[in-house]
């Protein structure tokens, strides 16, 4: 990877992380960043139950940003990351649960 980086001189170096990796994502990101310096992160498999917390830690630990998220299994399911939309979608389920619990009481 370091050899390819030194020959190709890529403008973007994106690390692809599975949303279900958990805290291992942070360690992988730190090692990848120390080796070649990453410019962003792609988080895949956000269409399942994983919330991507480990991947978010990886972004924080490497002082980078989320470039894209994968929400399915095809190339068309790769989307540019938009923080407001992601937060809104993530909290939507939690808000619905809270409202259901509130109605029961």
PDB file of N, CA and C in Angstrom:
ATOM      1  N   UNK A   1       0.827  -1.174   0.000  1.00  0.00           N
ATOM      2  CA  UNK A   1       0.000   0.000   0.000  1.00  0.00           C
ATOM      3  C   UNK A   1       0.882   1.251   0.000  1.00  0.00           C
ATOM      4  N   UNK A   2       1.924   1.239   0.803  1.00  0.00           N
ATOM      5  CA  UNK A   2       2.819   2.391   0.848  1.00  0.00           C
ATOM      6  C   UNK A   2       3.539   2.580  -0.481  1.00  0.00           C
ATOM      7  N   UNK A   3       3.918   1.462  -1.120  1.00  0.00           N
ATOM      8  CA  UNK A   3       4.588   1.547  -2.423  1.00  0.00           C
ATOM      9  C   UNK A   3       3.657   2.144  -3.472  1.00  0.00           C
ATOM     10  N   UNK A   4       2.410   1.686  -3.489  1.00  0.00           N
ATOM     11  CA  UNK A   4       1.430   2.227  -4.439  1.00  0.00           C
ATOM     12  C   UNK A   4       1.231   3.711  -4.194  1.00  0.00           C
ATOM     13  N   UNK A   5       1.125   4.094  -2.935  1.00  0.00           N
ATOM     14  CA  UNK A   5       0.938   5.499  -2.574  1.00  0.00           C
ATOM     15  C   UNK A   5       2.104   6.354  -3.063  1.00  0.00           C
ATOM     16  N   UNK A   6       3.336   5.858  -2.903  1.00  0.00           N
ATOM     17  CA  UNK A   6       4.507   6.646  -3.287  1.00  0.00           C
ATOM     18  C   UNK A   6       4.652   6.767  -4.802  1.00  0.00           C
ATOM     19  N   UNK A   7       4.137   5.810  -5.552  1.00  0.00           N
ATOM     20  CA  UNK A   7       4.224   5.852  -7.009  1.00  0.00           C
ATOM     21  C   UNK A   7       3.043   6.614  -7.609  1.00  0.00           C
ATOM     22  N   UNK A   8       1.836   6.348  -7.111  1.00  0.00           N
ATOM     23  CA  UNK A   8       0.622   6.915  -7.702  1.00  0.00           C
ATOM     24  C   UNK A   8       0.330   8.344  -7.263  1.00  0.00           C
ATOM     25  N   UNK A   9       0.750   8.724  -6.065  1.00  0.00           N
ATOM     26  CA  UNK A   9       0.465  10.051  -5.505  1.00  0.00           C
ATOM     27  C   UNK A   9      -1.011  10.428  -5.637  1.00  0.00           C
ATOM     28  N   UNK A  10      -1.913   9.586  -5.093  1.00  0.00           N
ATOM     29  CA  UNK A  10      -3.347   9.866  -5.242  1.00  0.00           C
ATOM     30  C   UNK A  10      -3.753  11.139  -4.512  1.00  0.00           C
ATOM     31  N   UNK A  11      -4.721  11.836  -5.075  1.00  0.00           N
ATOM     32  CA  UNK A  11      -5.242  13.042  -4.426  1.00  0.00           C
ATOM     33  C   UNK A  11      -6.162  12.684  -3.270  1.00  0.00           C
ATOM     34  N   UNK A  12      -6.906  11.613  -3.423  1.00  0.00           N
ATOM     35  CA  UNK A  12      -7.814  11.151  -2.379  1.00  0.00           C
ATOM     36  C   UNK A  12      -7.402   9.754  -1.941  1.00  0.00           C
ATOM     37  N   UNK A  13      -7.407   9.533  -0.643  1.00  0.00           N
ATOM     38  CA  UNK A  13      -7.105   8.215  -0.079  1.00  0.00           C
ATOM     39  C   UNK A  13      -8.215   7.893   0.913  1.00  0.00           C
ATOM     40  N   UNK A  14      -9.201   7.140   0.426  1.00  0.00           N
ATOM     41  CA  UNK A  14     -10.382   6.836   1.217  1.00  0.00           C
ATOM     42  C   UNK A  14     -10.268   5.449   1.830  1.00  0.00           C
ATOM     43  N   UNK A  15     -10.531   5.374   3.108  1.00  0.00           N
ATOM     44  CA  UNK A  15     -10.565   4.114   3.827  1.00  0.00           C
ATOM     45  C   UNK A  15     -12.010   3.639   3.873  1.00  0.00           C
ATOM     46  N   UNK A  16     -12.257   2.405   3.441  1.00  0.00           N
ATOM     47  CA  UNK A  16     -13.605   1.842   3.436  1.00  0.00           C
ATOM     48  C   UNK A  16     -13.782   0.984   4.679  1.00  0.00           C
ATOM     49  N   UNK A  17     -14.783   1.316   5.486  1.00  0.00           N
ATOM     50  CA  UNK A  17     -15.050   0.605   6.737  1.00  0.00           C
ATOM     51  C   UNK A  17     -16.463   0.068   6.773  1.00  0.00           C
ATOM     52  N   UNK A  18     -16.607  -1.127   7.283  1.00  0.00           N
ATOM     53  CA  UNK A  18     -17.907  -1.756   7.499  1.00  0.00           C
ATOM     54  C   UNK A  18     -18.535  -1.129   8.750  1.00  0.00           C
ATOM     55  N   UNK A  19     -19.772  -0.701   8.652  1.00  0.00           N
ATOM     56  CA  UNK A  19     -20.448  -0.051   9.789  1.00  0.00           C
ATOM     57  C   UNK A  19     -20.540  -0.951  11.009  1.00  0.00           C
ATOM     58  N   UNK A  20     -20.474  -2.267  10.794  1.00  0.00           N
ATOM     59  CA  UNK A  20     -20.614  -3.211  11.902  1.00  0.00           C
ATOM     60  C   UNK A  20     -19.278  -3.559  12.568  1.00  0.00           C
ATOM     61  N   UNK A  21     -18.196  -2.926  12.168  1.00  0.00           N
ATOM     62  CA  UNK A  21     -16.874  -3.258  12.707  1.00  0.00           C
ATOM     63  C   UNK A  21     -16.706  -2.945  14.183  1.00  0.00           C
ATOM     64  N   UNK A  22     -17.427  -1.999  14.670  1.00  0.00           N
ATOM     65  CA  UNK A  22     -17.255  -1.607  16.060  1.00  0.00           C
ATOM     66  C   UNK A  22     -15.956  -0.844  16.270  1.00  0.00           C
ATOM     67  N   UNK A  23     -15.408  -0.977  17.457  1.00  0.00           N
ATOM     68  CA  UNK A  23     -14.214  -0.195  17.815  1.00  0.00           C
ATOM     69  C   UNK A  23     -12.954  -0.628  17.071  1.00  0.00           C
ATOM     70  N   UNK A  24     -12.981  -1.782  16.413  1.00  0.00           N
ATOM     71  CA  UNK A  24     -11.843  -2.183  15.592  1.00  0.00           C
ATOM     72  C   UNK A  24     -11.617  -1.206  14.444  1.00  0.00           C
ATOM     73  N   UNK A  25     -12.669  -0.529  14.043  1.00  0.00           N
ATOM     74  CA  UNK A  25     -12.573   0.442  12.957  1.00  0.00           C
ATOM     75  C   UNK A  25     -11.594   1.555  13.304  1.00  0.00           C
ATOM     76  N   UNK A  26     -11.596   1.973  14.532  1.00  0.00           N
ATOM     77  CA  UNK A  26     -10.708   3.041  14.959  1.00  0.00           C
ATOM     78  C   UNK A  26      -9.238   2.626  14.852  1.00  0.00           C
ATOM     79  N   UNK A  27      -8.934   1.411  15.305  1.00  0.00           N
ATOM     80  CA  UNK A  27      -7.553   0.918  15.231  1.00  0.00           C
ATOM     81  C   UNK A  27      -7.106   0.766  13.785  1.00  0.00           C
ATOM     82  N   UNK A  28      -7.979   0.252  12.939  1.00  0.00           N
ATOM     83  CA  UNK A  28      -7.640   0.092  11.528  1.00  0.00           C
ATOM     84  C   UNK A  28      -7.394   1.457  10.891  1.00  0.00           C
ATOM     85  N   UNK A  29      -8.248   2.413  11.190  1.00  0.00           N
ATOM     86  CA  UNK A  29      -8.100   3.754  10.618  1.00  0.00           C
ATOM     87  C   UNK A  29      -6.801   4.412  11.064  1.00  0.00           C
ATOM     88  N   UNK A  30      -6.463   4.261  12.325  1.00  0.00           N
ATOM     89  CA  UNK A  30      -5.207   4.849  12.817  1.00  0.00           C
ATOM     90  C   UNK A  30      -4.006   4.256  12.088  1.00  0.00           C
ATOM     91  N   UNK A  31      -4.006   2.931  11.898  1.00  0.00           N
ATOM     92  CA  UNK A  31      -2.886   2.269  11.221  1.00  0.00           C
ATOM     93  C   UNK A  31      -2.812   2.689   9.749  1.00  0.00           C
ATOM     94  N   UNK A  32      -3.952   2.735   9.091  1.00  0.00           N
ATOM     95  CA  UNK A  32      -4.013   3.134   7.686  1.00  0.00           C
ATOM     96  C   UNK A  32      -3.546   4.576   7.540  1.00  0.00           C
ATOM     97  N   UNK A  33      -3.999   5.432   8.438  1.00  0.00           N
ATOM     98  CA  UNK A  33      -3.623   6.843   8.391  1.00  0.00           C
ATOM     99  C   UNK A  33      -2.130   7.032   8.647  1.00  0.00           C
ATOM    100  N   UNK A  34      -1.579   6.286   9.587  1.00  0.00           N
ATOM    101  CA  UNK A  34      -0.143   6.388   9.874  1.00  0.00           C
ATOM    102  C   UNK A  34       0.688   5.915   8.684  1.00  0.00           C
ATOM    103  N   UNK A  35       0.162   4.956   7.952  1.00  0.00           N
ATOM    104  CA  UNK A  35       0.890   4.386   6.824  1.00  0.00           C
ATOM    105  C   UNK A  35       0.903   5.297   5.599  1.00  0.00           C
ATOM    106  N   UNK A  36      -0.282   5.793   5.204  1.00  0.00           N
ATOM    107  CA  UNK A  36      -0.320   6.593   3.970  1.00  0.00           C
ATOM    108  C   UNK A  36      -1.055   7.925   4.114  1.00  0.00           C
ATOM    109  N   UNK A  37      -1.702   8.154   5.245  1.00  0.00           N
ATOM    110  CA  UNK A  37      -2.448   9.397   5.436  1.00  0.00           C
ATOM    111  C   UNK A  37      -3.747   9.379   4.648  1.00  0.00           C
ATOM    112  N   UNK A  38      -4.851   9.195   5.324  1.00  0.00           N
ATOM    113  CA  UNK A  38      -6.131   9.128   4.626  1.00  0.00           C
ATOM    114  C   UNK A  38      -6.780  10.504   4.550  1.00  0.00           C
ATOM    115  N   UNK A  39      -7.611  10.672   3.533  1.00  0.00           N
ATOM    116  CA  UNK A  39      -8.302  11.949   3.356  1.00  0.00           C
ATOM    117  C   UNK A  39      -9.788  11.855   3.688  1.00  0.00           C
ATOM    118  N   UNK A  40     -10.278  10.636   3.867  1.00  0.00           N
ATOM    119  CA  UNK A  40     -11.686  10.465   4.182  1.00  0.00           C
ATOM    120  C   UNK A  40     -12.033   9.011   4.411  1.00  0.00           C
ATOM    121  N   UNK A  41     -13.286   8.792   4.807  1.00  0.00           N
ATOM    122  CA  UNK A  41     -13.766   7.454   5.130  1.00  0.00           C
ATOM    123  C   UNK A  41     -15.062   7.188   4.381  1.00  0.00           C
ATOM    124  N   UNK A  42     -15.205   5.951   3.914  1.00  0.00           N
ATOM    125  CA  UNK A  42     -16.449   5.466   3.331  1.00  0.00           C
ATOM    126  C   UNK A  42     -16.993   4.431   4.304  1.00  0.00           C
ATOM    127  N   UNK A  43     -18.229   4.603   4.742  1.00  0.00           N
ATOM    128  CA  UNK A  43     -18.844   3.656   5.668  1.00  0.00           C
ATOM    129  C   UNK A  43     -19.872   2.839   4.898  1.00  0.00           C
ATOM    130  N   UNK A  44     -19.683   1.520   4.903  1.00  0.00           N
ATOM    131  CA  UNK A  44     -20.592   0.635   4.177  1.00  0.00           C
ATOM    132  C   UNK A  44     -21.547  -0.079   5.125  1.00  0.00           C
ATOM    133  N   UNK A  45     -22.564  -0.674   4.556  1.00  0.00           N
ATOM    134  CA  UNK A  45     -23.542  -1.504   5.257  1.00  0.00           C
ATOM    135  C   UNK A  45     -24.364  -0.730   6.298  1.00  0.00           C
ATOM    136  N   UNK A  46     -24.653   0.500   6.013  1.00  0.00           N
ATOM    137  CA  UNK A  46     -25.508   1.277   6.912  1.00  0.00           C
ATOM    138  C   UNK A  46     -26.987   0.989   6.696  1.00  0.00           C
ATOM    139  N   UNK A  47     -27.293   0.066   5.788  1.00  0.00           N
ATOM    140  CA  UNK A  47     -28.687  -0.311   5.558  1.00  0.00           C
ATOM    141  C   UNK A  47     -29.166  -1.348   6.563  1.00  0.00           C
ATOM    142  N   UNK A  48     -28.267  -1.910   7.354  1.00  0.00           N
ATOM    143  CA  UNK A  48     -28.638  -2.918   8.349  1.00  0.00           C
ATOM    144  C   UNK A  48     -28.861  -2.298   9.711  1.00  0.00           C
ATOM    145  N   UNK A  49     -28.591  -3.084  10.738  1.00  0.00           N
ATOM    146  CA  UNK A  49     -28.819  -2.610  12.099  1.00  0.00           C
ATOM    147  C   UNK A  49     -27.637  -1.825  12.653  1.00  0.00           C
ATOM    148  N   UNK A  50     -26.487  -1.902  12.013  1.00  0.00           N
ATOM    149  CA  UNK A  50     -25.305  -1.185  12.502  1.00  0.00           C
ATOM    150  C   UNK A  50     -25.499   0.321  12.362  1.00  0.00           C
ATOM    151  N   UNK A  51     -25.055   1.050  13.364  1.00  0.00           N
ATOM    152  CA  UNK A  51     -25.174   2.507  13.341  1.00  0.00           C
ATOM    153  C   UNK A  51     -23.868   3.192  12.943  1.00  0.00           C
ATOM    154  N   UNK A  52     -22.778   2.431  12.876  1.00  0.00           N
ATOM    155  CA  UNK A  52     -21.518   3.005  12.425  1.00  0.00           C
ATOM    156  C   UNK A  52     -20.750   3.755  13.490  1.00  0.00           C
ATOM    157  N   UNK A  53     -21.003   3.467  14.759  1.00  0.00           N
ATOM    158  CA  UNK A  53     -20.324   4.179  15.843  1.00  0.00           C
ATOM    159  C   UNK A  53     -18.815   4.034  15.799  1.00  0.00           C
ATOM    160  N   UNK A  54     -18.339   2.836  15.515  1.00  0.00           N
ATOM    161  CA  UNK A  54     -16.899   2.614  15.413  1.00  0.00           C
ATOM    162  C   UNK A  54     -16.290   3.388  14.263  1.00  0.00           C
ATOM    163  N   UNK A  55     -17.012   3.417  13.154  1.00  0.00           N
ATOM    164  CA  UNK A  55     -16.533   4.166  11.997  1.00  0.00           C
ATOM    165  C   UNK A  55     -16.502   5.666  12.296  1.00  0.00           C
ATOM    166  N   UNK A  56     -17.467   6.135  13.053  1.00  0.00           N
ATOM    167  CA  UNK A  56     -17.465   7.554  13.441  1.00  0.00           C
ATOM    168  C   UNK A  56     -16.272   7.861  14.342  1.00  0.00           C
ATOM    169  N   UNK A  57     -15.918   6.933  15.215  1.00  0.00           N
ATOM    170  CA  UNK A  57     -14.730   7.095  16.046  1.00  0.00           C
ATOM    171  C   UNK A  57     -13.485   7.147  15.180  1.00  0.00           C
ATOM    172  N   UNK A  58     -13.449   6.313  14.132  1.00  0.00           N
ATOM    173  CA  UNK A  58     -12.306   6.290  13.224  1.00  0.00           C
ATOM    174  C   UNK A  58     -12.135   7.641  12.543  1.00  0.00           C
ATOM    175  N   UNK A  59     -13.233   8.243  12.158  1.00  0.00           N
ATOM    176  CA  UNK A  59     -13.192   9.568  11.531  1.00  0.00           C
ATOM    177  C   UNK A  59     -12.624  10.589  12.514  1.00  0.00           C
ATOM    178  N   UNK A  60     -13.094  10.535  13.731  1.00  0.00           N
ATOM    179  CA  UNK A  60     -12.627  11.460  14.758  1.00  0.00           C
ATOM    180  C   UNK A  60     -11.144  11.251  15.059  1.00  0.00           C
ATOM    181  N   UNK A  61     -10.733   9.997  15.186  1.00  0.00           N
ATOM    182  CA  UNK A  61      -9.347   9.682  15.534  1.00  0.00           C
ATOM    183  C   UNK A  61      -8.358  10.056  14.435  1.00  0.00           C
ATOM    184  N   UNK A  62      -8.816  10.124  13.195  1.00  0.00           N
ATOM    185  CA  UNK A  62      -7.912  10.452  12.084  1.00  0.00           C
ATOM    186  C   UNK A  62      -8.099  11.877  11.580  1.00  0.00           C
ATOM    187  N   UNK A  63      -8.991  12.614  12.215  1.00  0.00           N
ATOM    188  CA  UNK A  63      -9.265  14.002  11.836  1.00  0.00           C
ATOM    189  C   UNK A  63      -9.595  14.120  10.350  1.00  0.00           C
ATOM    190  N   UNK A  64     -10.476  13.211   9.888  1.00  0.00           N
ATOM    191  CA  UNK A  64     -10.926  13.235   8.503  1.00  0.00           C
ATOM    192  C   UNK A  64     -12.442  13.406   8.495  1.00  0.00           C
ATOM    193  N   UNK A  65     -13.040  13.154   7.363  1.00  0.00           N
ATOM    194  CA  UNK A  65     -14.494  13.276   7.250  1.00  0.00           C
ATOM    195  C   UNK A  65     -15.056  12.047   6.549  1.00  0.00           C
ATOM    196  N   UNK A  66     -16.350  11.824   6.706  1.00  0.00           N
ATOM    197  CA  UNK A  66     -17.029  10.768   5.970  1.00  0.00           C
ATOM    198  C   UNK A  66     -17.292  11.306   4.571  1.00  0.00           C
ATOM    199  N   UNK A  67     -16.801  10.590   3.575  1.00  0.00           N
ATOM    200  CA  UNK A  67     -16.988  11.020   2.192  1.00  0.00           C
ATOM    201  C   UNK A  67     -18.263  10.426   1.600  1.00  0.00           C
ATOM    202  N   UNK A  68     -18.456   9.131   1.811  1.00  0.00           N
ATOM    203  CA  UNK A  68     -19.603   8.421   1.252  1.00  0.00           C
ATOM    204  C   UNK A  68     -20.121   7.408   2.258  1.00  0.00           C
ATOM    205  N   UNK A  69     -21.400   7.041   2.086  1.00  0.00           N
ATOM    206  CA  UNK A  69     -21.974   5.954   2.880  1.00  0.00           C
ATOM    207  C   UNK A  69     -22.605   4.956   1.915  1.00  0.00           C
ATOM    208  N   UNK A  70     -22.519   3.695   2.280  1.00  0.00           N
ATOM    209  CA  UNK A  70     -23.152   2.642   1.507  1.00  0.00           C
ATOM    210  C   UNK A  70     -24.408   2.183   2.217  1.00  0.00           C
ATOM    211  N   UNK A  71     -25.529   2.216   1.503  1.00  0.00           N
ATOM    212  CA  UNK A  71     -26.803   1.852   2.125  1.00  0.00           C
ATOM    213  C   UNK A  71     -27.450   0.648   1.445  1.00  0.00           C
ATOM    214  N   UNK A  72     -26.656  -0.103   0.701  1.00  0.00           N
ATOM    215  CA  UNK A  72     -27.170  -1.279   0.007  1.00  0.00           C
ATOM    216  C   UNK A  72     -26.028  -2.068  -0.594  1.00  0.00           C
ATOM    217  N   UNK A  73     -26.342  -2.887  -1.576  1.00  0.00           N
ATOM    218  CA  UNK A  73     -25.357  -3.806  -2.124  1.00  0.00           C
ATOM    219  C   UNK A  73     -24.905  -3.479  -3.537  1.00  0.00           C
ATOM    220  N   UNK A  74     -25.403  -2.419  -4.123  1.00  0.00           N
ATOM    221  CA  UNK A  74     -25.020  -2.086  -5.496  1.00  0.00           C
ATOM    222  C   UNK A  74     -24.303  -0.737  -5.529  1.00  0.00           C
ATOM    223  N   UNK A  75     -23.587  -0.470  -6.615  1.00  0.00           N
ATOM    224  CA  UNK A  75     -22.919   0.840  -6.729  1.00  0.00           C
ATOM    225  C   UNK A  75     -23.892   2.016  -6.611  1.00  0.00           C
ATOM    226  N   UNK A  76     -25.127   1.816  -7.046  1.00  0.00           N
ATOM    227  CA  UNK A  76     -26.127   2.888  -6.942  1.00  0.00           C
ATOM    228  C   UNK A  76     -26.493   3.210  -5.495  1.00  0.00           C
ATOM    229  N   UNK A  77     -26.140   2.311  -4.574  1.00  0.00           N
ATOM    230  CA  UNK A  77     -26.451   2.503  -3.163  1.00  0.00           C
ATOM    231  C   UNK A  77     -25.362   3.253  -2.411  1.00  0.00           C
ATOM    232  N   UNK A  78     -24.371   3.728  -3.123  1.00  0.00           N
ATOM    233  CA  UNK A  78     -23.310   4.533  -2.520  1.00  0.00           C
ATOM    234  C   UNK A  78     -23.712   5.997  -2.656  1.00  0.00           C
ATOM    235  N   UNK A  79     -23.803   6.690  -1.533  1.00  0.00           N
ATOM    236  CA  UNK A  79     -24.259   8.081  -1.536  1.00  0.00           C
ATOM    237  C   UNK A  79     -23.227   8.999  -0.922  1.00  0.00           C
ATOM    238  N   UNK A  80     -23.184  10.210  -1.436  1.00  0.00           N
ATOM    239  CA  UNK A  80     -22.347  11.231  -0.804  1.00  0.00           C
ATOM    240  C   UNK A  80     -22.906  11.477   0.589  1.00  0.00           C
ATOM    241  N   UNK A  81     -22.033  11.559   1.560  1.00  0.00           N
ATOM    242  CA  UNK A  81     -22.467  11.743   2.943  1.00  0.00           C
ATOM    243  C   UNK A  81     -22.956  13.162   3.168  1.00  0.00           C
ATOM    244  N   UNK A  82     -24.154  13.269   3.730  1.00  0.00           N
ATOM    245  CA  UNK A  82     -24.726  14.555   4.120  1.00  0.00           C
ATOM    246  C   UNK A  82     -25.105  14.446   5.597  1.00  0.00           C
ATOM    247  N   UNK A  83     -24.392  15.142   6.434  1.00  0.00           N
ATOM    248  CA  UNK A  83     -24.532  14.997   7.882  1.00  0.00           C
ATOM    249  C   UNK A  83     -25.959  15.233   8.373  1.00  0.00           C
ATOM    250  N   UNK A  84     -26.603  16.294   7.936  1.00  0.00           N
ATOM    251  CA  UNK A  84     -27.952  16.608   8.412  1.00  0.00           C
ATOM    252  C   UNK A  84     -28.926  15.481   8.089  1.00  0.00           C
ATOM    253  N   UNK A  85     -28.832  14.959   6.891  1.00  0.00           N
ATOM    254  CA  UNK A  85     -29.727  13.881   6.474  1.00  0.00           C
ATOM    255  C   UNK A  85     -29.461  12.609   7.271  1.00  0.00           C
ATOM    256  N   UNK A  86     -28.184  12.314   7.506  1.00  0.00           N
ATOM    257  CA  UNK A  86     -27.793  11.126   8.252  1.00  0.00           C
ATOM    258  C   UNK A  86     -28.300  11.205   9.691  1.00  0.00           C
ATOM    259  N   UNK A  87     -28.118  12.342  10.323  1.00  0.00           N
ATOM    260  CA  UNK A  87     -28.564  12.522  11.710  1.00  0.00           C
ATOM    261  C   UNK A  87     -30.079  12.420  11.789  1.00  0.00           C
ATOM    262  N   UNK A  88     -30.757  13.043  10.854  1.00  0.00           N
ATOM    263  CA  UNK A  88     -32.217  12.999  10.842  1.00  0.00           C
ATOM    264  C   UNK A  88     -32.715  11.557  10.700  1.00  0.00           C
ATOM    265  N   UNK A  89     -32.123  10.790   9.786  1.00  0.00           N
ATOM    266  CA  UNK A  89     -32.534   9.404   9.571  1.00  0.00           C
ATOM    267  C   UNK A  89     -32.196   8.538  10.778  1.00  0.00           C
ATOM    268  N   UNK A  90     -31.059   8.788  11.396  1.00  0.00           N
ATOM    269  CA  UNK A  90     -30.639   7.992  12.552  1.00  0.00           C
ATOM    270  C   UNK A  90     -31.548   8.225  13.744  1.00  0.00           C
ATOM    271  N   UNK A  91     -31.948   9.450  13.961  1.00  0.00           N
ATOM    272  CA  UNK A  91     -32.787   9.775  15.115  1.00  0.00           C
ATOM    273  C   UNK A  91     -34.248   9.476  14.880  1.00  0.00           C
ATOM    274  N   UNK A  92     -34.656   9.373  13.632  1.00  0.00           N
ATOM    275  CA  UNK A  92     -36.074   9.157  13.326  1.00  0.00           C
ATOM    276  C   UNK A  92     -36.625   7.920  14.029  1.00  0.00           C
ATOM    277  N   UNK A  93     -35.886   6.821  13.940  1.00  0.00           N
ATOM    278  CA  UNK A  93     -36.336   5.594  14.602  1.00  0.00           C
ATOM    279  C   UNK A  93     -36.395   5.747  16.108  1.00  0.00           C
ATOM    280  N   UNK A  94     -35.416   6.420  16.688  1.00  0.00           N
ATOM    281  CA  UNK A  94     -35.381   6.624  18.128  1.00  0.00           C
ATOM    282  C   UNK A  94     -36.533   7.512  18.590  1.00  0.00           C
ATOM    283  N   UNK A  95     -36.849   8.514  17.818  1.00  0.00           N
ATOM    284  CA  UNK A  95     -37.956   9.407  18.174  1.00  0.00           C
ATOM    285  C   UNK A  95     -39.274   8.641  18.114  1.00  0.00           C
ATOM    286  N   UNK A  96     -39.420   7.790  17.076  1.00  0.00           N
ATOM    287  CA  UNK A  96     -40.642   6.990  16.978  1.00  0.00           C
ATOM    288  C   UNK A  96     -40.786   6.079  18.198  1.00  0.00           C
ATOM    289  N   UNK A  97     -39.710   5.460  18.620  1.00  0.00           N
ATOM    290  CA  UNK A  97     -39.751   4.579  19.794  1.00  0.00           C
ATOM    291  C   UNK A  97     -40.144   5.359  21.038  1.00  0.00           C
ATOM    292  N   UNK A  98     -39.587   6.523  21.214  1.00  0.00           N
ATOM    293  CA  UNK A  98     -39.899   7.355  22.382  1.00  0.00           C
ATOM    294  C   UNK A  98     -41.381   7.745  22.379  1.00  0.00           C
ATOM    295  N   UNK A  99     -41.894   8.109  21.208  1.00  0.00           N
ATOM    296  CA  UNK A  99     -43.297   8.505  21.119  1.00  0.00           C
ATOM    297  C   UNK A  99     -44.220   7.328  21.427  1.00  0.00           C
ATOM    298  N   UNK A 100     -43.864   6.134  20.956  1.00  0.00           N
ATOM    299  CA  UNK A 100     -44.680   4.958  21.260  1.00  0.00           C
ATOM    300  C   UNK A 100     -44.686   4.685  22.759  1.00  0.00           C
ATOM    301  N   UNK A 101     -43.520   4.784  23.385  1.00  0.00           N
ATOM    302  CA  UNK A 101     -43.438   4.556  24.826  1.00  0.00           C
ATOM    303  C   UNK A 101     -44.244   5.598  25.577  1.00  0.00           C
ATOM    304  N   UNK A 102     -44.190   6.833  25.109  1.00  0.00           N
ATOM    305  CA  UNK A 102     -44.921   7.929  25.756  1.00  0.00           C
ATOM    306  C   UNK A 102     -46.431   7.685  25.678  1.00  0.00           C
ATOM    307  N   UNK A 103     -46.905   7.197  24.527  1.00  0.00           N
ATOM    308  CA  UNK A 103     -48.345   6.951  24.341  1.00  0.00           C
ATOM    309  C   UNK A 103     -48.826   5.829  25.257  1.00  0.00           C
ATOM    310  N   UNK A 104     -47.958   4.861  25.563  1.00  0.00           N
ATOM    311  CA  UNK A 104     -48.340   3.749  26.420  1.00  0.00           C
ATOM    312  C   UNK A 104     -48.559   4.202  27.860  1.00  0.00           C
ATOM    313  N   UNK A 105     -47.894   5.262  28.273  1.00  0.00           N
ATOM    314  CA  UNK A 105     -47.986   5.728  29.671  1.00  0.00           C
ATOM    315  C   UNK A 105     -49.026   6.760  29.801  1.00  0.00           C
TER     316      UNK A 105
END
